[in-house]
Structures are given as structure tokens and as C-alpha cells.
Amino acid sequence: MVIFGKFSNNKFMGSYARKEEFKEERKELGENIAQIRQSKKLTQEDLADQSNMNVSYLAKIENGYVNTTVRYLIKIARGLRVKVKDLFNF
């Protein structure tokens, strides 16, 4: 949810918040993570435990719903025992 401050440009912020920037990239990243996870015979719960993160957030990443941070990509890569660059093939 986007909350507009009284000094913000609401018109600009409203249109920016509705954009789905990087939608395809988020989707591909999530698919890559899920594919690697499945190839290692891990469930989302297993990977979340090994990555020290919440399973619902991992599911959002795999489904391309969130723009995640480098911090979480590093956690996921460590949990999968791969390099961060291996999560990207686009």
C-alpha cells in the first residue's frame, strides 16, 4: 500500500505506484529460483529454513510478486549452495 504524504506529488506517485516495472524480470528470477530449488529436491519450506527467511516471502519471490533485495538473493543463493549469479539467466 502506498501512503501519500502531504508534501508529495500525489499525481506522480500514484502513477508510479501502479506501474509494474520489471514484472518479466521478477517472474524469470522467481522461476529460476524455483527451478534450482526443485532440482535440488527442496520444498519452499526447506529452502526458507536454509536461507533463514520467511516461507511466505520466498513464495512471493518465486511468484514474481515482489522486488526483493540483494540481501535476500544472497540468502537464497547460500541456501541453494549456488552463486548469486546462478539465479539469473536473463
C-alpha atoms as a PDB file:
ATOM      1  CA  MET A   1       0.000   0.000   0.000  1.00  0.00           C
ATOM      2  CA  VAL A   2       1.288   3.441  -0.886  1.00  0.00           C
ATOM      3  CA  ILE A   3       0.627   6.245   1.569  1.00  0.00           C
ATOM      4  CA  PHE A   4       0.985   9.731   0.202  1.00  0.00           C
ATOM      5  CA  GLY A   5       2.486  12.421   2.401  1.00  0.00           C
ATOM      6  CA  LYS A   6       1.025  15.894   2.437  1.00  0.00           C
ATOM      7  CA  PHE A   7       4.092  17.290   0.649  1.00  0.00           C
ATOM      8  CA  SER A   8       4.403  14.608  -2.020  1.00  0.00           C
ATOM      9  CA  ASN A   9       3.352  14.912  -5.618  1.00  0.00           C
ATOM     10  CA  ASN A  10       0.377  12.557  -5.356  1.00  0.00           C
ATOM     11  CA  LYS A  11      -0.320  12.531  -9.075  1.00  0.00           C
ATOM     12  CA  PHE A  12       3.223  11.378  -9.879  1.00  0.00           C
ATOM     13  CA  MET A  13       3.449   8.920  -7.011  1.00  0.00           C
ATOM     14  CA  GLY A  14       0.057   7.408  -7.798  1.00  0.00           C
ATOM     15  CA  SER A  15       1.005   6.620 -11.383  1.00  0.00           C
ATOM     16  CA  TYR A  16       4.431   5.347 -10.357  1.00  0.00           C
ATOM     17  CA  ALA A  17       2.951   3.023  -7.733  1.00  0.00           C
ATOM     18  CA  ARG A  18       0.646   1.456 -10.312  1.00  0.00           C
ATOM     19  CA  LYS A  19       3.423   0.632 -12.776  1.00  0.00           C
ATOM     20  CA  GLU A  20       4.525  -2.949 -12.936  1.00  0.00           C
ATOM     21  CA  GLU A  21       8.161  -2.267 -13.597  1.00  0.00           C
ATOM     22  CA  PHE A  22      10.430  -5.264 -14.008  1.00  0.00           C
ATOM     23  CA  LYS A  23       7.460  -7.644 -13.997  1.00  0.00           C
ATOM     24  CA  GLU A  24       9.013 -10.026 -16.533  1.00  0.00           C
ATOM     25  CA  GLU A  25      12.398  -9.952 -14.811  1.00  0.00           C
ATOM     26  CA  ARG A  26      10.821 -10.680 -11.417  1.00  0.00           C
ATOM     27  CA  LYS A  27       8.901 -13.572 -12.947  1.00  0.00           C
ATOM     28  CA  GLU A  28      12.011 -15.051 -14.592  1.00  0.00           C
ATOM     29  CA  LEU A  29      14.081 -14.655 -11.428  1.00  0.00           C
ATOM     30  CA  GLY A  30      11.394 -16.421  -9.412  1.00  0.00           C
ATOM     31  CA  GLU A  31      11.128 -19.212 -11.957  1.00  0.00           C
ATOM     32  CA  ASN A  32      14.903 -19.676 -11.901  1.00  0.00           C
ATOM     33  CA  ILE A  33      14.947 -19.891  -8.112  1.00  0.00           C
ATOM     34  CA  ALA A  34      12.071 -22.388  -8.095  1.00  0.00           C
ATOM     35  CA  GLN A  35      13.735 -24.498 -10.795  1.00  0.00           C
ATOM     36  CA  ILE A  36      17.043 -24.663  -8.926  1.00  0.00           C
ATOM     37  CA  ARG A  37      15.216 -25.430  -5.674  1.00  0.00           C
ATOM     38  CA  GLN A  38      13.218 -28.232  -7.285  1.00  0.00           C
ATOM     39  CA  SER A  39      16.303 -29.695  -8.964  1.00  0.00           C
ATOM     40  CA  LYS A  40      17.834 -29.997  -5.505  1.00  0.00           C
ATOM     41  CA  LYS A  41      14.654 -31.722  -4.253  1.00  0.00           C
ATOM     42  CA  LEU A  42      13.899 -28.946  -1.771  1.00  0.00           C
ATOM     43  CA  THR A  43      10.489 -27.642  -0.758  1.00  0.00           C
ATOM     44  CA  GLN A  44       9.891 -23.940  -0.242  1.00  0.00           C
ATOM     45  CA  GLU A  45       9.882 -24.653   3.481  1.00  0.00           C
ATOM     46  CA  ASP A  46      13.267 -26.388   3.249  1.00  0.00           C
ATOM     47  CA  LEU A  47      14.817 -23.504   1.334  1.00  0.00           C
ATOM     48  CA  ALA A  48      13.270 -20.899   3.615  1.00  0.00           C
ATOM     49  CA  ASP A  49      14.744 -22.688   6.633  1.00  0.00           C
ATOM     50  CA  GLN A  50      18.166 -23.000   4.993  1.00  0.00           C
ATOM     51  CA  SER A  51      18.032 -19.354   3.895  1.00  0.00           C
ATOM     52  CA  ASN A  52      16.839 -18.087   7.278  1.00  0.00           C
ATOM     53  CA  MET A  53      13.823 -16.334   5.778  1.00  0.00           C
ATOM     54  CA  ASN A  54      10.041 -16.467   5.877  1.00  0.00           C
ATOM     55  CA  VAL A  55       8.474 -19.073   3.583  1.00  0.00           C
ATOM     56  CA  SER A  56       5.700 -16.704   2.502  1.00  0.00           C
ATOM     57  CA  TYR A  57       8.267 -14.123   1.364  1.00  0.00           C
ATOM     58  CA  LEU A  58      10.155 -16.818  -0.565  1.00  0.00           C
ATOM     59  CA  ALA A  59       6.891 -17.798  -2.255  1.00  0.00           C
ATOM     60  CA  LYS A  60       6.306 -14.156  -3.234  1.00  0.00           C
ATOM     61  CA  ILE A  61       9.791 -14.004  -4.749  1.00  0.00           C
ATOM     62  CA  GLU A  62       9.293 -17.254  -6.665  1.00  0.00           C
ATOM     63  CA  ASN A  63       5.958 -15.998  -7.993  1.00  0.00           C
ATOM     64  CA  GLY A  64       7.420 -12.639  -9.042  1.00  0.00           C
ATOM     65  CA  TYR A  65       5.227 -10.592  -6.716  1.00  0.00           C
ATOM     66  CA  VAL A  66       7.980  -8.588  -5.011  1.00  0.00           C
ATOM     67  CA  ASN A  67      11.102  -6.678  -5.911  1.00  0.00           C
ATOM     68  CA  THR A  68      13.453  -8.308  -3.453  1.00  0.00           C
ATOM     69  CA  THR A  69      16.794  -7.071  -2.197  1.00  0.00           C
ATOM     70  CA  VAL A  70      20.335  -8.258  -2.755  1.00  0.00           C
ATOM     71  CA  ARG A  71      20.370  -9.350   0.885  1.00  0.00           C
ATOM     72  CA  TYR A  72      17.616 -11.890   0.231  1.00  0.00           C
ATOM     73  CA  LEU A  73      19.156 -13.029  -3.042  1.00  0.00           C
ATOM     74  CA  ILE A  74      22.363 -13.782  -1.146  1.00  0.00           C
ATOM     75  CA  LYS A  75      20.392 -15.696   1.497  1.00  0.00           C
ATOM     76  CA  ILE A  76      18.620 -17.724  -1.192  1.00  0.00           C
ATOM     77  CA  ALA A  77      21.853 -18.443  -3.064  1.00  0.00           C
ATOM     78  CA  ARG A  78      23.516 -19.620   0.143  1.00  0.00           C
ATOM     79  CA  GLY A  79      20.507 -21.790   0.954  1.00  0.00           C
ATOM     80  CA  LEU A  80      20.706 -23.341  -2.504  1.00  0.00           C
ATOM     81  CA  ARG A  81      24.517 -23.541  -2.342  1.00  0.00           C
ATOM     82  CA  VAL A  82      24.934 -21.664  -5.607  1.00  0.00           C
ATOM     83  CA  LYS A  83      26.369 -18.292  -6.585  1.00  0.00           C
ATOM     84  CA  VAL A  84      24.011 -15.321  -6.776  1.00  0.00           C
ATOM     85  CA  LYS A  85      24.733 -15.003 -10.491  1.00  0.00           C
ATOM     86  CA  ASP A  86      23.346 -18.524 -10.981  1.00  0.00           C
ATOM     87  CA  LEU A  87      19.911 -17.208 -10.008  1.00  0.00           C
ATOM     88  CA  PHE A  88      19.938 -15.001 -13.120  1.00  0.00           C
ATOM     89  CA  ASN A  89      19.910 -16.334 -16.668  1.00  0.00           C
ATOM     90  CA  PHE A  90      18.209 -13.453 -18.438  1.00  0.00           C
END
